[in-house]
Amino acid sequence: MSQKIIRVITTASDGNQRTKEFENFEAIEAIHEAIGIDDCSTDLDLRGMPIFRGLVGPMPDGKNAVRYESPDVFEALTKVWTAMKPKRRKRRSAKEMAEAKALEAAQIAAGNGPPPKKKKAPRPRFPFGIVNTPASTTTPVSS
């Protein structure tokens, strides 16, 4: 694993967020008590990293950074994240779709368009071949 920067984000006394960056865990252990090791993260790079009392994390923060947050920062950022509305995609009108189709047809007719799409072969109903059912089995069972 490459060298990771460890960011600890807490709330200052004036209410602003304060970020401290560390190069190793020993400096954090002087401030926060290590209470365990992360062994269930879905991000495999985070497995084996320490869990500290009073901090939420570890969380990925870019390619070469790990992030720990105080509970109040975690709660505030989660509220901001959940309040964000996703961008709505613009739907093309029937006129725009007809124009795009006509342009594509003109390009194909001129020889500049994409080649025609090949039809996919149908997938077999049973992936392992024919399945024998009791009605179609012809060999008797001997006892």
Protein backbone atom coordinates (compact mmCIF):
# COMPACT_ATOMS: atom_id res chain seq x y z
CA MET A 1 0.00 0.00 0.00
CA SER A 2 1.34 3.43 -0.87
CA GLN A 3 1.85 6.13 1.76
CA LYS A 4 -1.51 7.66 2.67
CA ILE A 5 -2.26 11.02 4.21
CA ILE A 6 -4.58 10.79 7.20
CA ARG A 7 -7.02 13.70 7.58
CA VAL A 8 -8.85 14.32 10.83
CA ILE A 9 -11.71 16.81 10.52
CA THR A 10 -13.20 18.27 13.68
CA THR A 11 -15.23 21.32 14.68
CA ALA A 12 -13.33 24.29 16.12
CA SER A 13 -14.69 26.28 19.05
CA ASP A 14 -16.02 28.96 16.67
CA GLY A 15 -18.04 26.37 14.71
CA ASN A 16 -15.78 26.14 11.66
CA GLN A 17 -14.32 22.88 10.46
CA ARG A 18 -10.70 22.27 11.32
CA THR A 19 -8.61 19.82 9.26
CA LYS A 20 -5.36 18.30 10.47
CA GLU A 21 -3.23 16.08 8.24
CA PHE A 22 -1.00 13.35 9.60
CA GLU A 23 1.52 11.06 7.90
CA ASN A 24 1.21 8.18 10.37
CA PHE A 25 -1.19 6.86 12.99
CA GLU A 26 1.15 7.32 15.96
CA ALA A 27 0.48 11.07 16.04
CA ILE A 28 -3.29 10.47 16.08
CA GLU A 29 -2.95 7.83 18.80
CA ALA A 30 -1.43 10.52 21.04
CA ILE A 31 -4.71 12.47 20.78
CA HIS A 32 -7.37 9.74 20.31
CA GLU A 33 -7.58 6.25 21.79
CA ALA A 34 -7.42 3.40 19.27
CA ILE A 35 -10.27 0.97 20.05
CA GLY A 36 -10.03 -1.50 17.19
CA ILE A 37 -9.15 -2.26 13.61
CA ASP A 38 -11.45 -1.88 10.60
CA ASP A 39 -12.10 -5.35 9.24
CA CYS A 40 -15.39 -4.91 7.38
CA SER A 41 -14.92 -1.98 5.01
CA THR A 42 -16.00 -2.53 1.43
CA ASP A 43 -12.95 -0.54 0.36
CA LEU A 44 -10.17 -3.10 0.74
CA ASP A 45 -7.51 -0.41 1.16
CA LEU A 46 -9.17 0.65 4.43
CA ARG A 47 -9.18 -2.79 6.00
CA GLY A 48 -6.70 -3.08 8.83
CA MET A 49 -6.68 0.63 9.61
CA PRO A 50 -7.34 1.65 13.22
CA ILE A 51 -10.67 2.83 14.59
CA PHE A 52 -10.44 5.67 17.11
CA ARG A 53 -12.79 6.53 19.97
CA GLY A 54 -14.64 9.76 19.19
CA LEU A 55 -13.98 9.67 15.42
CA VAL A 56 -16.02 8.29 12.54
CA GLY A 57 -13.91 6.49 10.00
CA PRO A 58 -11.79 5.48 8.25
CA MET A 59 -13.29 6.75 4.98
CA PRO A 60 -11.61 7.14 1.59
CA ASP A 61 -10.80 10.74 0.72
CA GLY A 62 -9.25 10.63 -2.73
CA LYS A 63 -6.62 8.18 -3.94
CA ASN A 64 -3.92 8.80 -1.35
CA ALA A 65 -5.89 10.02 1.65
CA VAL A 66 -7.91 8.53 4.49
CA ARG A 67 -10.43 10.59 6.41
CA TYR A 68 -11.65 10.52 10.01
CA GLU A 69 -14.38 12.90 11.18
CA SER A 70 -15.78 13.89 14.54
CA PRO A 71 -19.44 12.84 14.99
CA ASP A 72 -20.75 16.42 14.69
CA VAL A 73 -18.86 17.00 11.42
CA PHE A 74 -20.10 13.64 10.11
CA GLU A 75 -23.69 14.56 10.97
CA ALA A 76 -23.43 18.03 9.39
CA LEU A 77 -21.86 16.73 6.17
CA THR A 78 -24.42 13.93 5.97
CA LYS A 79 -27.26 16.45 6.25
CA VAL A 80 -25.72 18.54 3.47
CA TRP A 81 -25.20 15.46 1.31
CA THR A 82 -28.78 14.21 1.74
CA ALA A 83 -30.24 17.68 1.07
CA MET A 84 -28.51 17.90 -2.32
CA LYS A 85 -30.87 17.31 -5.20
CA PRO A 86 -29.64 15.28 -8.14
CA LYS A 87 -29.34 17.01 -11.48
CA ARG A 88 -32.34 16.37 -13.65
CA ARG A 89 -31.58 15.15 -17.09
CA LYS A 90 -33.14 17.06 -19.94
CA ARG A 91 -35.48 15.00 -22.01
CA ARG A 92 -35.25 15.44 -25.75
CA SER A 93 -38.39 16.56 -27.52
CA ALA A 94 -39.93 14.60 -30.37
CA LYS A 95 -38.68 17.26 -32.79
CA GLU A 96 -35.07 16.94 -31.53
CA MET A 97 -35.22 13.12 -31.75
CA ALA A 98 -36.59 13.30 -35.33
CA GLU A 99 -33.83 15.72 -36.32
CA ALA A 100 -31.15 13.45 -34.83
CA LYS A 101 -32.61 10.43 -36.63
CA ALA A 102 -32.72 12.30 -39.95
CA LEU A 103 -29.11 13.45 -39.49
CA GLU A 104 -27.99 9.90 -38.74
CA ALA A 105 -29.85 8.57 -41.80
CA ALA A 106 -28.22 11.23 -44.00
CA GLN A 107 -24.76 10.32 -42.65
CA ILE A 108 -25.36 6.62 -43.30
CA ALA A 109 -26.57 7.37 -46.82
CA ALA A 110 -23.44 9.44 -47.47
CA GLY A 111 -21.25 6.63 -46.13
CA ASN A 112 -20.07 8.64 -43.13
CA GLY A 113 -22.32 7.15 -40.49
CA PRO A 114 -21.84 4.26 -38.15
CA PRO A 115 -22.12 0.73 -39.53
CA PRO A 116 -25.47 -0.95 -39.02
CA LYS A 117 -25.83 -2.70 -35.69
CA LYS A 118 -25.57 -6.47 -35.67
CA LYS A 119 -28.36 -8.41 -34.07
CA LYS A 120 -27.38 -10.36 -31.01
CA ALA A 121 -27.94 -14.09 -30.94
CA PRO A 122 -30.70 -15.09 -28.55
CA ARG A 123 -29.55 -16.40 -25.20
CA PRO A 124 -30.36 -20.01 -24.41
CA ARG A 125 -33.19 -20.57 -21.99
CA PHE A 126 -31.13 -22.88 -19.77
CA PRO A 127 -27.45 -21.96 -19.49
CA PHE A 128 -26.34 -25.57 -18.95
CA GLY A 129 -28.11 -27.21 -21.87
CA ILE A 130 -31.26 -29.26 -21.81
CA VAL A 131 -32.77 -29.88 -18.42
CA ASN A 132 -34.33 -33.30 -17.92
CA THR A 133 -37.69 -33.23 -16.27
CA PRO A 134 -39.44 -36.33 -14.92
CA ALA A 135 -41.85 -36.27 -17.89
CA SER A 136 -39.02 -36.33 -20.45
CA THR A 137 -36.78 -38.89 -18.73
CA THR A 138 -36.86 -42.20 -20.62
CA THR A 139 -34.36 -44.29 -18.67
CA PRO A 140 -35.95 -46.33 -15.92
CA VAL A 141 -34.58 -46.09 -12.42
CA SER A 142 -33.28 -49.44 -11.17
CA SER A 143 -33.43 -50.35 -7.51
